[in-house]
Amino acid sequence: MTVRSVISRVFPQEDLNFLLTNRIPRRLLTQLMGWFSQIERPLVRDLSIGVWRFFADLNLEEAKKTQFRSMHDCFTRELKDGARPIDPEPAVLASPCDAIVGAAGRIEGTTLIQAKGFPYTLRDLLGDSELVRVYRDGCYATLRITSSMYHRFHAPHDCRVKQVAYLSGDTWNVNPIALKRVEKLFCKNERAILETRLEATGHTVTLVPVAAVLVASIRLHFLDVLLHLKHRGPNVVPCDAPFLKGEEMGWFQHGSTIIVFAPGGFKLCENVKEGTVIRTGQPLLRLPARDSAPPGEPRAGALRP
């Protein structure tokens, strides 16, 4: 009998996964990984990427460059030009990232689903009464970026980022096993709230990048600061950063989850189903009819408690 089989008898696979990725000093290990991943020594780099490839389906054929300075450089890699065509249809909100679709659909009042049997509220996640009002009975999509995926994220439509709110927090794993066990997990983890205004219609669409264990740094091109566990403020940053549909907005230092929120009238595209893989630029949400007025939009650039 192998050691692996003995461990499997004592700990069911899900229990073992949860134990190894959550019942650990999460914040400390996340900060340590942030330091280790940026070591630019060839031996460390090659061994790290080799171990990563052994445990994950890492495909670097689409990467713009073939040599990396460090594991971090590989994690945050750019792709070759044209590797992610952006859906050109004006009525389509494109996926901002490569991901596996998690819970998605209509927001029931202000309640949405993390995983079956685990609800949470807009207030818990966003902490903003105006955004809660905007997305009441709206639409959402949870996009989980696995460790081997492309980790940069892009503008889902022509838009302006009007405000960024940063909420420091924990670093629970965000895989399906943890989502079924930890209530309000997304609301406990470090996250940034990117409030955007669509140029064509004026609707407010919000992206919420959520960090996770070993993955607690978020870089945004339009802010001159790295959002990470040691960042304490300012926690709300007003801005006016324009983006064209598909233009790169930033990246996770490693990978995690982005939750996309849209007001009532938006609908999920037919290809968006729980468990399916979606790529950057593919259809995610369909905009309301052009004569639909943006419901309950907050004042642009307003600071809120």
Protein backbone atom coordinates (compact mmCIF):
# COMPACT_ATOMS: atom_id res chain seq x y z
CA MET A 1 0.00 0.00 0.00
CA THR A 2 1.43 3.36 -1.01
CA VAL A 3 1.70 6.43 1.21
CA ARG A 4 -0.71 8.21 -1.11
CA SER A 5 -3.36 5.51 -0.70
CA VAL A 6 -2.97 5.55 3.08
CA ILE A 7 -3.41 9.33 3.16
CA SER A 8 -6.45 9.04 0.87
CA ARG A 9 -8.07 6.57 3.29
CA VAL A 10 -7.49 8.83 6.28
CA PHE A 11 -8.37 12.07 4.47
CA PRO A 12 -10.89 12.16 1.61
CA GLN A 13 -9.44 14.10 -1.34
CA GLU A 14 -11.57 17.20 -0.76
CA ASP A 15 -10.68 17.26 2.94
CA LEU A 16 -6.98 16.98 2.14
CA ASN A 17 -7.16 19.73 -0.49
CA PHE A 18 -8.94 22.05 1.92
CA LEU A 19 -6.51 21.25 4.73
CA LEU A 20 -3.38 21.86 2.64
CA THR A 21 -4.58 25.08 1.02
CA ASN A 22 -6.47 26.73 3.88
CA ARG A 23 -5.45 25.40 7.30
CA ILE A 24 -2.07 27.06 6.95
CA PRO A 25 -0.71 30.52 7.84
CA ARG A 26 -2.32 31.95 4.69
CA ARG A 27 -1.20 35.58 4.87
CA LEU A 28 2.37 34.72 5.82
CA LEU A 29 2.75 32.14 3.07
CA THR A 30 1.16 34.50 0.56
CA GLN A 31 3.69 37.21 1.37
CA LEU A 32 6.50 34.66 1.26
CA MET A 33 5.36 33.43 -2.17
CA GLY A 34 5.24 37.01 -3.41
CA TRP A 35 8.92 37.40 -2.48
CA PHE A 36 10.04 33.95 -3.66
CA SER A 37 8.31 34.12 -7.04
CA GLN A 38 10.32 37.21 -7.99
CA ILE A 39 13.76 35.69 -7.41
CA GLU A 40 15.61 36.03 -10.72
CA ARG A 41 18.16 33.25 -10.30
CA PRO A 42 18.05 30.72 -13.18
CA LEU A 43 18.07 27.66 -10.93
CA VAL A 44 15.24 28.94 -8.71
CA ARG A 45 13.27 30.09 -11.76
CA ASP A 46 13.63 26.81 -13.64
CA LEU A 47 12.84 24.59 -10.65
CA SER A 48 9.83 26.72 -9.69
CA ILE A 49 8.34 26.72 -13.17
CA GLY A 50 9.12 22.99 -13.48
CA VAL A 51 7.22 22.17 -10.28
CA TRP A 52 4.37 24.41 -11.40
CA ARG A 53 4.12 22.62 -14.75
CA PHE A 54 4.15 19.25 -12.99
CA PHE A 55 1.08 20.09 -10.90
CA ALA A 56 -0.82 22.27 -13.39
CA ASP A 57 -1.70 22.26 -17.07
CA LEU A 58 0.62 25.14 -17.90
CA ASN A 59 0.74 25.97 -21.62
CA LEU A 60 3.20 28.69 -22.65
CA GLU A 61 2.77 28.37 -26.42
CA GLU A 62 0.67 31.56 -26.53
CA ALA A 63 3.14 33.60 -24.47
CA LYS A 64 4.70 36.61 -26.19
CA LYS A 65 8.18 35.65 -24.98
CA THR A 66 9.79 32.27 -24.45
CA GLN A 67 12.28 33.16 -21.71
CA PHE A 68 11.26 34.48 -18.29
CA ARG A 69 13.27 36.26 -15.63
CA SER A 70 11.43 34.57 -12.74
CA MET A 71 8.36 32.53 -11.88
CA HIS A 72 6.53 35.83 -11.29
CA ASP A 73 7.48 36.96 -14.79
CA CYS A 74 5.94 33.75 -16.13
CA PHE A 75 2.79 34.14 -14.02
CA THR A 76 2.15 37.65 -15.34
CA ARG A 77 3.10 36.84 -18.94
CA GLU A 78 1.67 38.68 -21.90
CA LEU A 79 0.21 36.79 -24.85
CA LYS A 80 1.09 37.02 -28.51
CA ASP A 81 -0.73 39.72 -30.46
CA GLY A 82 -4.08 38.41 -31.66
CA ALA A 83 -4.16 35.47 -29.23
CA ARG A 84 -7.41 36.77 -27.70
CA PRO A 85 -9.75 38.27 -30.33
CA ILE A 86 -12.21 40.71 -28.77
CA ASP A 87 -15.88 40.34 -29.72
CA PRO A 88 -16.60 43.51 -31.75
CA GLU A 89 -20.38 43.58 -31.28
CA PRO A 90 -21.35 46.81 -29.46
CA ALA A 91 -24.19 45.08 -27.62
CA VAL A 92 -21.81 42.53 -26.06
CA LEU A 93 -19.87 42.95 -22.83
CA ALA A 94 -16.74 40.79 -23.30
CA SER A 95 -15.12 38.59 -20.70
CA PRO A 96 -12.30 40.53 -19.01
CA CYS A 97 -10.17 37.43 -18.46
CA ASP A 98 -9.55 33.76 -19.15
CA ALA A 99 -11.51 31.80 -16.56
CA ILE A 100 -13.78 28.97 -15.54
CA VAL A 101 -17.32 30.27 -15.05
CA GLY A 102 -18.52 29.83 -11.48
CA ALA A 103 -21.88 30.89 -10.10
CA ALA A 104 -23.55 33.37 -12.45
CA GLY A 105 -26.98 34.74 -13.26
CA ARG A 106 -29.57 37.07 -11.77
CA ILE A 107 -29.11 38.74 -8.40
CA GLU A 108 -32.17 37.98 -6.26
CA GLY A 109 -32.78 41.36 -4.71
CA THR A 110 -29.33 41.89 -3.20
CA THR A 111 -28.48 38.21 -2.70
CA LEU A 112 -26.27 36.13 -4.96
CA ILE A 113 -24.59 32.73 -4.80
CA GLN A 114 -21.01 31.82 -3.99
CA ALA A 115 -21.68 28.08 -4.33
CA LYS A 116 -24.75 25.89 -3.83
CA GLY A 117 -26.21 26.64 -0.42
CA PHE A 118 -23.78 29.50 0.26
CA PRO A 119 -25.35 32.90 -0.45
CA TYR A 120 -23.85 36.31 0.23
CA THR A 121 -25.07 39.85 -0.31
CA LEU A 122 -23.98 42.83 -2.35
CA ARG A 123 -23.50 44.76 0.88
CA ASP A 124 -21.15 42.07 2.25
CA LEU A 125 -18.96 42.17 -0.85
CA LEU A 126 -19.09 45.78 -1.99
CA GLY A 127 -19.71 47.65 1.27
CA ASP A 128 -21.27 50.47 -0.73
CA SER A 129 -24.96 51.40 -0.44
CA GLU A 130 -25.05 53.16 -3.83
CA LEU A 131 -23.60 50.17 -5.70
CA VAL A 132 -25.97 47.88 -3.83
CA ARG A 133 -28.83 49.99 -5.20
CA VAL A 134 -27.42 49.92 -8.75
CA TYR A 135 -27.07 46.12 -8.83
CA ARG A 136 -30.26 45.17 -6.99
CA ASP A 137 -31.96 42.57 -9.22
CA GLY A 138 -29.06 42.91 -11.63
CA CYS A 139 -26.72 40.34 -13.12
CA TYR A 140 -23.37 38.84 -12.14
CA ALA A 141 -20.75 36.37 -13.32
CA THR A 142 -18.02 34.77 -11.22
CA LEU A 143 -14.86 34.09 -13.26
CA ARG A 144 -12.25 31.85 -11.61
CA ILE A 145 -8.71 32.12 -12.99
CA THR A 146 -6.74 28.94 -12.33
CA SER A 147 -3.01 29.00 -11.62
CA SER A 148 -2.00 27.99 -15.15
CA MET A 149 -4.24 30.47 -16.96
CA TYR A 150 -3.42 33.88 -18.42
CA HIS A 151 -3.61 36.28 -15.46
CA ARG A 152 -4.09 39.70 -17.04
CA PHE A 153 -7.53 41.26 -17.27
CA HIS A 154 -9.01 43.62 -19.83
CA ALA A 155 -11.78 46.18 -20.27
CA PRO A 156 -15.08 44.42 -21.09
CA HIS A 157 -16.29 47.41 -23.12
CA ASP A 158 -15.34 50.99 -23.97
CA CYS A 159 -15.46 52.54 -20.52
CA ARG A 160 -13.93 54.82 -17.91
CA VAL A 161 -12.83 53.64 -14.49
CA LYS A 162 -14.37 56.20 -12.15
CA GLN A 163 -13.31 54.82 -8.79
CA VAL A 164 -11.28 52.04 -7.18
CA ALA A 165 -11.96 50.84 -3.63
CA TYR A 166 -9.43 48.51 -2.04
CA LEU A 167 -10.44 46.21 0.81
CA SER A 168 -7.63 44.36 2.54
CA GLY A 169 -8.59 40.98 3.94
CA ASP A 170 -7.82 37.29 4.20
CA THR A 171 -6.42 34.96 1.55
CA TRP A 172 -8.65 31.90 1.57
CA ASN A 173 -8.30 29.61 -1.44
CA VAL A 174 -11.09 30.34 -3.94
CA ASN A 175 -11.34 26.89 -5.51
CA PRO A 176 -14.73 25.09 -5.56
CA ILE A 177 -13.83 23.00 -2.49
CA ALA A 178 -13.29 26.08 -0.34
CA LEU A 179 -16.31 27.88 -1.80
CA LYS A 180 -18.51 25.00 -0.58
CA ARG A 181 -17.08 25.20 2.95
CA VAL A 182 -16.33 28.82 3.85
CA GLU A 183 -19.36 31.10 4.08
CA LYS A 184 -19.05 34.53 2.43
CA LEU A 185 -15.53 33.67 1.31
CA PHE A 186 -15.29 36.39 -1.36
CA CYS A 187 -16.40 38.93 1.25
CA LYS A 188 -13.55 37.92 3.57
CA ASN A 189 -10.69 38.00 1.06
CA GLU A 190 -8.61 40.92 -0.16
CA ARG A 191 -10.31 42.58 -3.13
CA ALA A 192 -10.45 45.67 -5.30
CA ILE A 193 -13.71 47.20 -6.55
CA LEU A 194 -13.31 48.78 -9.98
CA GLU A 195 -16.32 50.94 -10.78
CA THR A 196 -16.54 51.66 -14.53
CA ARG A 197 -18.95 53.73 -16.62
CA LEU A 198 -19.72 52.48 -20.13
CA GLU A 199 -19.02 55.20 -22.68
CA ALA A 200 -21.87 54.32 -25.03
CA THR A 201 -24.75 53.85 -22.58
CA GLY A 202 -23.71 55.32 -19.23
CA HIS A 203 -24.36 52.06 -17.37
CA THR A 204 -22.14 51.29 -14.38
CA VAL A 205 -20.36 47.94 -14.65
CA THR A 206 -18.16 46.88 -11.76
CA LEU A 207 -15.27 44.40 -11.73
CA VAL A 208 -14.22 42.90 -8.41
CA PRO A 209 -10.83 41.15 -8.56
CA VAL A 210 -10.63 38.90 -5.48
CA ALA A 211 -7.25 37.72 -4.22
CA ALA A 212 -6.56 34.26 -2.79
CA VAL A 213 -3.94 32.19 -0.98
CA LEU A 214 -0.49 32.79 -2.52
CA VAL A 215 -2.17 35.42 -4.76
CA ALA A 216 -2.65 38.69 -2.93
CA SER A 217 -1.34 41.47 -5.13
CA ILE A 218 -3.27 43.35 -7.81
CA ARG A 219 -1.60 45.70 -10.29
CA LEU A 220 -3.70 48.29 -12.12
CA HIS A 221 -2.11 50.24 -14.97
CA PHE A 222 -3.85 53.47 -14.07
CA LEU A 223 -2.81 53.53 -10.38
CA ASP A 224 0.76 54.18 -9.29
CA VAL A 225 0.56 51.70 -6.44
CA LEU A 226 0.58 47.93 -6.03
CA LEU A 227 -2.48 46.78 -4.09
CA HIS A 228 -1.35 44.08 -1.67
CA LEU A 229 -1.78 42.84 1.91
CA LYS A 230 0.45 45.57 3.37
CA HIS A 231 -1.36 48.38 1.55
CA ARG A 232 -3.46 50.42 3.95
CA GLY A 233 -4.63 53.37 1.93
CA PRO A 234 -6.02 55.47 0.61
CA ASN A 235 -8.69 52.80 0.36
CA VAL A 236 -10.91 54.74 -2.04
CA VAL A 237 -9.26 56.30 -5.10
CA PRO A 238 -11.32 58.46 -7.47
CA CYS A 239 -10.03 58.40 -11.03
CA ASP A 240 -10.99 58.92 -14.65
CA ALA A 241 -9.11 56.29 -16.63
CA PRO A 242 -10.42 55.60 -20.17
CA PHE A 243 -10.20 52.14 -21.76
CA LEU A 244 -11.19 50.74 -25.11
CA LYS A 245 -12.92 47.37 -25.24
CA GLY A 246 -10.27 44.67 -24.79
CA GLU A 247 -7.54 47.04 -23.60
CA GLU A 248 -5.46 45.64 -20.74
CA MET A 249 -6.39 47.06 -17.32
CA GLY A 250 -4.01 45.17 -15.03
CA TRP A 251 -3.17 41.78 -13.63
CA PHE A 252 -3.06 39.54 -10.60
CA GLN A 253 0.43 38.75 -9.43
CA HIS A 254 -0.55 35.08 -9.76
CA GLY A 255 -4.25 34.39 -10.36
CA SER A 256 -7.63 34.30 -8.65
CA THR A 257 -11.21 35.42 -9.35
CA ILE A 258 -13.01 38.35 -10.95
CA ILE A 259 -16.70 38.94 -10.26
CA VAL A 260 -18.47 41.09 -12.86
CA PHE A 261 -21.60 43.06 -11.89
CA ALA A 262 -24.08 44.70 -14.26
CA PRO A 263 -27.42 46.41 -13.58
CA GLY A 264 -30.87 45.06 -14.37
CA GLY A 265 -31.52 44.56 -18.08
CA PHE A 266 -28.17 42.89 -18.79
CA LYS A 267 -28.32 39.16 -19.57
CA LEU A 268 -25.76 36.36 -19.62
CA CYS A 269 -24.75 35.26 -23.10
CA GLU A 270 -25.69 31.71 -24.08
CA ASN A 271 -22.11 30.44 -23.87
CA VAL A 272 -21.80 31.45 -20.19
CA LYS A 273 -22.66 28.40 -18.11
CA GLU A 274 -21.28 27.22 -14.79
CA GLY A 275 -18.18 25.05 -15.25
CA THR A 276 -17.40 26.16 -18.81
CA VAL A 277 -14.14 27.81 -19.82
CA ILE A 278 -14.33 31.33 -21.19
CA ARG A 279 -11.50 33.34 -22.74
CA THR A 280 -10.68 37.01 -22.68
CA GLY A 281 -12.76 38.84 -25.29
CA GLN A 282 -15.47 36.20 -25.68
CA PRO A 283 -19.12 37.25 -25.09
CA LEU A 284 -20.05 37.43 -21.41
CA LEU A 285 -23.10 39.69 -21.03
CA ARG A 286 -25.51 41.29 -23.44
CA LEU A 287 -26.36 44.95 -22.93
CA PRO A 288 -29.98 46.13 -22.58
CA ALA A 289 -31.77 47.70 -25.53
CA ARG A 290 -30.21 51.03 -26.43
CA ASP A 291 -33.24 53.00 -25.30
CA SER A 292 -32.98 51.59 -21.76
CA ALA A 293 -31.98 54.23 -19.23
CA PRO A 294 -29.29 53.25 -16.70
CA PRO A 295 -31.29 52.50 -13.51
CA GLY A 296 -30.28 54.18 -10.25
CA GLU A 297 -26.76 55.13 -11.29
CA PRO A 298 -24.58 56.78 -8.64
CA ARG A 299 -23.07 60.17 -9.32
CA ALA A 300 -19.86 59.78 -11.36
CA GLY A 301 -16.73 60.02 -9.23
CA ALA A 302 -18.67 60.35 -5.97
CA LEU A 303 -16.95 59.14 -2.81
CA ARG A 304 -19.10 57.02 -0.58
CA PRO A 305 -18.64 55.60 2.90
